[in-house]
């Protein structure tokens, strides 16, 4: 049996993802790698050469790679399996923007060659650990790769939030909620809420109020070792805490959400030498026509 194992996580609702998963399975198994597929996805993949595994925290244990075929939502789902196993995560974009993805459908052949040759790099991305307390007792523990958001449940009411940084009160905000994001998540919800784009090499956490009614309601960037806390005040209606938009905890008055640097990173695979700037320009289709930059001759003269 092969000592190299790959776990596939597939958006089975997309034909292109299923087709890519079948092709990838055939190529990898023919090369001698063992391929796992989540049990609920095996019928869609329809390959006898795969091993079905339950979709739990042990699914990626012993796997070299977790390959997600879909959009950013599929990659975030795959991250839930890759992170506890310390497996590297490779995203193949078969969705829309796919900012977390490293490859496109057309890159499949090249991608397989790089996997077989182990010719890829791995970046460790900062995550967030989240603890929700009620009356001093721990209500839930969770984590996020992109962001933790606290959002109101009643459209007609604003949330009253008290924000704390490193044990000291920062401000009280009335609004629709709050986003706490990593640099990886700075191009997701935090960006839509008016936050800055933060390069992944910067170790930091973002605080971005959502439609806040306050004079001081600008996005903030704090150090990676800071401890953030958000409390729902007595005037507040109900709220929900979302981790990566996937896992939720219902919040009540005086609940406290504590956020800090995650103990475990997510290990993202990088196949190309493209910079984050290039990725930003490509994914957001930024206007760079007219840029001349330095030529090789200019650099030599410098």
Protein backbone atom coordinates (compact mmCIF):
# COMPACT_ATOMS: atom_id res chain seq x y z
CA UNK A 1 0.00 0.00 0.00
CA UNK A 2 1.24 3.50 -0.81
CA UNK A 3 2.73 5.47 2.07
CA UNK A 4 1.40 8.65 0.44
CA UNK A 5 -2.25 9.46 1.02
CA UNK A 6 -4.48 12.26 -0.25
CA UNK A 7 -7.95 13.21 1.00
CA UNK A 8 -10.38 14.78 -1.48
CA UNK A 9 -13.14 17.14 -0.34
CA UNK A 10 -15.53 17.81 -3.21
CA UNK A 11 -18.43 20.17 -3.90
CA UNK A 12 -20.62 17.40 -5.28
CA UNK A 13 -23.29 19.89 -6.29
CA UNK A 14 -21.03 21.13 -9.09
CA UNK A 15 -20.53 18.88 -12.10
CA UNK A 16 -17.15 20.45 -12.81
CA UNK A 17 -15.96 19.58 -9.29
CA UNK A 18 -17.12 15.97 -9.58
CA UNK A 19 -15.50 15.63 -13.00
CA UNK A 20 -12.24 17.07 -11.68
CA UNK A 21 -12.36 14.75 -8.64
CA UNK A 22 -12.75 11.69 -10.89
CA UNK A 23 -9.87 12.75 -13.11
CA UNK A 24 -7.68 13.55 -10.12
CA UNK A 25 -8.52 10.21 -8.47
CA UNK A 26 -7.59 8.28 -11.61
CA UNK A 27 -4.30 10.13 -12.06
CA UNK A 28 -3.21 9.81 -8.43
CA UNK A 29 -4.16 6.16 -7.96
CA UNK A 30 -2.45 5.21 -11.23
CA UNK A 31 0.69 6.84 -9.84
CA UNK A 32 0.44 4.71 -6.69
CA UNK A 33 -1.02 7.19 -4.22
CA UNK A 34 -3.86 6.23 -1.90
CA UNK A 35 -6.96 8.42 -2.26
CA UNK A 36 -9.58 8.97 0.44
CA UNK A 37 -12.99 10.49 -0.14
CA UNK A 38 -15.57 11.52 2.45
CA UNK A 39 -18.20 8.80 2.83
CA UNK A 40 -21.11 11.00 1.74
CA UNK A 41 -19.24 11.95 -1.45
CA UNK A 42 -18.15 8.50 -2.66
CA UNK A 43 -21.30 7.81 -4.70
CA UNK A 44 -20.79 11.01 -6.66
CA UNK A 45 -17.13 10.23 -7.34
CA UNK A 46 -18.02 6.66 -8.42
CA UNK A 47 -14.53 5.15 -8.21
CA UNK A 48 -13.74 1.76 -6.65
CA UNK A 49 -10.14 2.80 -6.05
CA UNK A 50 -10.96 5.29 -3.29
CA UNK A 51 -11.28 4.68 0.43
CA UNK A 52 -14.39 6.14 2.07
CA UNK A 53 -13.81 7.86 5.42
CA UNK A 54 -16.25 9.57 7.82
CA UNK A 55 -16.32 13.37 7.70
CA UNK A 56 -14.89 13.90 11.16
CA UNK A 57 -11.71 15.35 12.66
CA UNK A 58 -9.80 12.11 11.95
CA UNK A 59 -10.53 12.03 8.21
CA UNK A 60 -7.17 13.56 7.26
CA UNK A 61 -5.00 11.85 9.88
CA UNK A 62 -1.97 10.43 8.09
CA UNK A 63 -2.77 12.25 4.84
CA UNK A 64 -0.06 14.25 3.12
CA UNK A 65 -2.57 16.53 1.42
CA UNK A 66 -6.20 17.53 1.64
CA UNK A 67 -7.37 18.68 -1.78
CA UNK A 68 -10.55 20.76 -1.92
CA UNK A 69 -12.39 20.96 -5.23
CA UNK A 70 -14.97 23.76 -5.27
CA UNK A 71 -15.06 27.37 -4.11
CA UNK A 72 -13.85 29.07 -0.94
CA UNK A 73 -16.69 27.44 1.02
CA UNK A 74 -15.40 23.98 0.11
CA UNK A 75 -11.87 25.01 1.05
CA UNK A 76 -13.07 26.23 4.45
CA UNK A 77 -14.88 22.92 4.94
CA UNK A 78 -11.70 21.05 4.02
CA UNK A 79 -9.71 23.20 6.45
CA UNK A 80 -11.81 21.79 9.30
CA UNK A 81 -10.36 18.37 8.45
CA UNK A 82 -6.82 19.40 7.50
CA UNK A 83 -6.07 21.59 10.53
CA UNK A 84 -6.29 19.01 13.37
CA UNK A 85 -4.27 16.52 11.29
CA UNK A 86 -1.62 19.13 10.34
CA UNK A 87 -2.16 18.10 6.71
CA UNK A 88 -1.37 20.56 3.93
CA UNK A 89 -4.45 21.99 2.19
CA UNK A 90 -4.60 22.56 -1.56
CA UNK A 91 -7.59 24.37 -3.05
CA UNK A 92 -8.72 23.93 -6.66
CA UNK A 93 -11.07 26.73 -7.66
CA UNK A 94 -14.27 25.57 -9.32
CA UNK A 95 -16.35 28.41 -7.92
CA UNK A 96 -16.26 32.16 -8.50
CA UNK A 97 -13.46 34.26 -6.96
CA UNK A 98 -11.82 31.38 -5.10
CA UNK A 99 -9.35 33.60 -3.25
CA UNK A 100 -8.13 30.73 -1.07
CA UNK A 101 -7.55 28.43 -4.03
CA UNK A 102 -4.12 27.81 -5.47
CA UNK A 103 -5.09 26.13 -8.74
CA UNK A 104 -7.79 26.28 -11.41
CA UNK A 105 -9.48 23.41 -13.26
CA UNK A 106 -7.14 23.91 -16.21
CA UNK A 107 -4.09 23.41 -13.95
CA UNK A 108 -4.99 19.83 -13.01
CA UNK A 109 -2.33 18.05 -15.06
CA UNK A 110 0.44 20.35 -13.87
CA UNK A 111 -0.85 20.11 -10.31
CA UNK A 112 -0.69 16.31 -10.33
CA UNK A 113 2.89 16.43 -11.55
CA UNK A 114 3.85 18.79 -8.74
CA UNK A 115 2.14 16.57 -6.17
CA UNK A 116 3.89 13.45 -7.42
CA UNK A 117 7.26 15.20 -7.35
CA UNK A 118 6.50 16.82 -3.97
CA UNK A 119 7.33 20.08 -5.70
CA UNK A 120 5.26 22.51 -3.70
CA UNK A 121 5.62 24.89 -0.79
CA UNK A 122 3.48 25.17 2.33
CA UNK A 123 2.51 28.40 4.10
CA UNK A 124 1.28 28.44 7.68
CA UNK A 125 -1.70 30.76 8.02
CA UNK A 126 -2.72 32.35 11.29
CA UNK A 127 -6.05 31.18 12.73
CA UNK A 128 -8.32 32.40 15.53
CA UNK A 129 -9.39 30.49 18.62
CA UNK A 130 -12.81 31.49 19.95
CA UNK A 131 -14.33 30.95 23.40
CA UNK A 132 -17.89 31.98 24.24
CA UNK A 133 -18.66 32.41 27.96
CA UNK A 134 -22.02 32.77 29.67
CA UNK A 135 -22.09 33.68 33.33
CA UNK A 136 -18.39 32.89 33.60
CA UNK A 137 -18.86 29.37 32.24
CA UNK A 138 -17.57 28.20 28.85
CA UNK A 139 -20.50 27.84 26.47
CA UNK A 140 -18.52 26.84 23.36
CA UNK A 141 -15.06 26.64 21.85
CA UNK A 142 -14.34 27.04 18.15
CA UNK A 143 -11.83 28.43 15.67
CA UNK A 144 -11.67 30.23 12.32
CA UNK A 145 -9.33 30.59 9.37
CA UNK A 146 -11.03 33.62 7.80
CA UNK A 147 -13.07 35.38 10.45
CA UNK A 148 -15.32 35.40 13.46
CA UNK A 149 -18.40 37.59 13.09
CA UNK A 150 -20.97 38.67 15.64
CA UNK A 151 -24.21 39.56 13.90
CA UNK A 152 -27.67 40.64 15.01
CA UNK A 153 -30.61 38.28 14.64
CA UNK A 154 -33.35 40.94 14.56
CA UNK A 155 -33.17 43.14 11.49
CA UNK A 156 -35.07 46.01 13.12
CA UNK A 157 -32.69 46.30 16.08
CA UNK A 158 -29.05 47.27 16.47
CA UNK A 159 -26.53 45.39 18.54
CA UNK A 160 -24.90 47.11 21.49
CA UNK A 161 -21.37 45.75 21.78
CA UNK A 162 -18.56 46.53 24.19
CA UNK A 163 -15.15 45.75 22.71
CA UNK A 164 -12.10 44.97 24.82
CA UNK A 165 -8.44 44.65 23.76
CA UNK A 166 -5.86 43.06 26.06
CA UNK A 167 -8.10 43.33 29.08
CA UNK A 168 -8.93 47.01 28.62
CA UNK A 169 -12.17 48.52 27.28
CA UNK A 170 -11.81 50.01 23.79
CA UNK A 171 -15.23 51.29 22.75
CA UNK A 172 -18.95 50.67 22.73
CA UNK A 173 -20.46 50.25 19.29
CA UNK A 174 -24.07 50.20 18.14
CA UNK A 175 -24.61 48.64 14.74
CA UNK A 176 -25.14 45.44 12.81
CA UNK A 177 -22.22 43.62 14.37
CA UNK A 178 -18.49 43.11 14.20
CA UNK A 179 -15.95 41.14 12.15
CA UNK A 180 -12.71 39.86 13.64
CA UNK A 181 -10.55 38.60 10.79
CA UNK A 182 -7.14 37.12 10.06
CA UNK A 183 -4.97 38.39 7.19
CA UNK A 184 -6.27 35.41 5.21
CA UNK A 185 -9.84 36.58 5.86
CA UNK A 186 -9.09 40.24 5.16
CA UNK A 187 -10.26 39.76 1.55
CA UNK A 188 -13.56 38.19 2.62
CA UNK A 189 -16.33 39.64 4.84
CA UNK A 190 -13.96 42.12 6.51
CA UNK A 191 -13.15 43.61 3.09
CA UNK A 192 -16.85 43.96 2.24
CA UNK A 193 -17.38 45.72 5.59
CA UNK A 194 -14.73 48.31 4.75
CA UNK A 195 -11.64 46.72 6.29
CA UNK A 196 -8.14 46.81 4.82
CA UNK A 197 -6.48 44.08 2.79
CA UNK A 198 -3.64 42.63 4.86
CA UNK A 199 -0.83 40.65 3.25
CA UNK A 200 -0.64 37.07 4.61
CA UNK A 201 2.96 37.59 5.73
CA UNK A 202 1.71 40.16 8.27
CA UNK A 203 0.87 38.55 11.58
CA UNK A 204 -2.14 40.50 12.83
CA UNK A 205 -5.85 40.47 13.64
CA UNK A 206 -8.47 42.86 12.28
CA UNK A 207 -11.46 44.40 14.05
CA UNK A 208 -14.04 45.75 11.59
CA UNK A 209 -17.39 47.18 12.82
CA UNK A 210 -20.38 46.44 10.60
CA UNK A 211 -22.47 49.56 9.89
CA UNK A 212 -21.65 51.05 13.29
CA UNK A 213 -23.35 54.23 14.53
CA UNK A 214 -20.36 55.82 16.22
CA UNK A 215 -17.80 58.55 15.58
CA UNK A 216 -14.99 56.11 16.32
CA UNK A 217 -15.85 53.12 14.19
CA UNK A 218 -12.85 52.67 11.94
CA UNK A 219 -11.31 49.25 11.18
CA UNK A 220 -8.48 48.42 13.58
CA UNK A 221 -5.43 46.17 13.25
CA UNK A 222 -3.94 44.66 16.40
CA UNK A 223 -0.97 42.40 17.10
CA UNK A 224 -1.24 38.63 16.77
CA UNK A 225 -0.77 38.06 20.50
CA UNK A 226 -3.53 40.47 21.54
CA UNK A 227 -6.62 39.13 23.26
CA UNK A 228 -9.93 40.48 22.02
CA UNK A 229 -13.27 40.25 23.78
CA UNK A 230 -16.76 41.36 22.79
CA UNK A 231 -19.68 41.57 25.23
CA UNK A 232 -23.37 41.97 24.37
CA UNK A 233 -24.82 44.74 26.53
CA UNK A 234 -28.16 44.76 28.30
CA UNK A 235 -29.85 46.90 25.64
CA UNK A 236 -28.97 44.36 22.99
CA UNK A 237 -31.29 41.94 21.25
CA UNK A 238 -30.18 38.45 20.23
CA UNK A 239 -27.05 37.76 18.23
CA UNK A 240 -25.14 34.92 16.57
CA UNK A 241 -21.40 34.28 16.45
CA UNK A 242 -20.26 32.77 13.14
CA UNK A 243 -16.90 31.05 12.63
CA UNK A 244 -15.95 31.18 8.94
CA UNK A 245 -19.65 31.59 8.19
CA UNK A 246 -20.09 27.85 8.82
CA UNK A 247 -20.35 27.14 12.53
CA UNK A 248 -22.61 29.15 14.82
CA UNK A 249 -23.25 29.87 18.48
CA UNK A 250 -26.37 31.73 19.59
CA UNK A 251 -25.58 34.59 21.94
CA UNK A 252 -27.65 36.11 24.73
CA UNK A 253 -27.37 39.33 26.75
CA UNK A 254 -24.06 39.59 28.64
CA UNK A 255 -22.45 36.72 26.76
CA UNK A 256 -18.75 37.23 26.20
CA UNK A 257 -16.86 36.22 23.03
CA UNK A 258 -13.10 35.91 23.54
CA UNK A 259 -10.83 35.76 20.50
CA UNK A 260 -7.10 35.15 20.25
CA UNK A 261 -4.45 33.64 18.05
CA UNK A 262 -5.19 30.02 17.23
CA UNK A 263 -2.94 27.34 18.67
CA UNK A 264 -2.98 25.47 15.35
CA UNK A 265 -2.36 27.14 11.98
CA UNK A 266 -3.80 26.04 8.65
CA UNK A 267 -1.09 24.87 6.24
CA UNK A 268 -1.88 26.08 2.70
CA UNK A 269 -0.13 24.64 -0.34
CA UNK A 270 1.51 27.02 -2.79
CA UNK A 271 2.37 25.70 -6.26
CA UNK A 272 3.47 28.86 -8.03
CA UNK A 273 5.83 31.67 -7.21
CA UNK A 274 3.16 34.32 -7.77
CA UNK A 275 3.17 37.05 -5.14
CA UNK A 276 0.15 38.03 -3.09
CA UNK A 277 0.07 41.25 -5.11
CA UNK A 278 -0.33 39.22 -8.31
CA UNK A 279 -3.08 37.16 -6.69
CA UNK A 280 -4.88 40.30 -5.55
CA UNK A 281 -4.72 41.83 -9.03
CA UNK A 282 -5.88 38.61 -10.69
CA UNK A 283 -8.74 37.76 -8.34
CA UNK A 284 -10.13 41.30 -8.10
CA UNK A 285 -9.26 42.19 -11.70
CA UNK A 286 -7.55 45.36 -10.59
CA UNK A 287 -6.62 47.91 -13.29
CA UNK A 288 -2.85 47.77 -13.78
CA UNK A 289 -2.67 48.58 -17.48
CA UNK A 290 0.02 51.17 -18.11
CA UNK A 291 2.38 49.93 -15.41
CA UNK A 292 5.95 49.77 -16.69
CA UNK A 293 7.97 48.96 -13.61
CA UNK A 294 11.64 48.11 -13.67
CA UNK A 295 13.09 46.16 -16.57
CA UNK A 296 15.83 43.60 -15.95
CA UNK A 297 18.31 46.19 -17.29
CA UNK A 298 17.08 48.75 -14.77
CA UNK A 299 17.50 46.27 -11.93
CA UNK A 300 21.04 45.48 -13.08
CA UNK A 301 21.91 49.18 -13.03
CA UNK A 302 20.45 49.54 -9.54
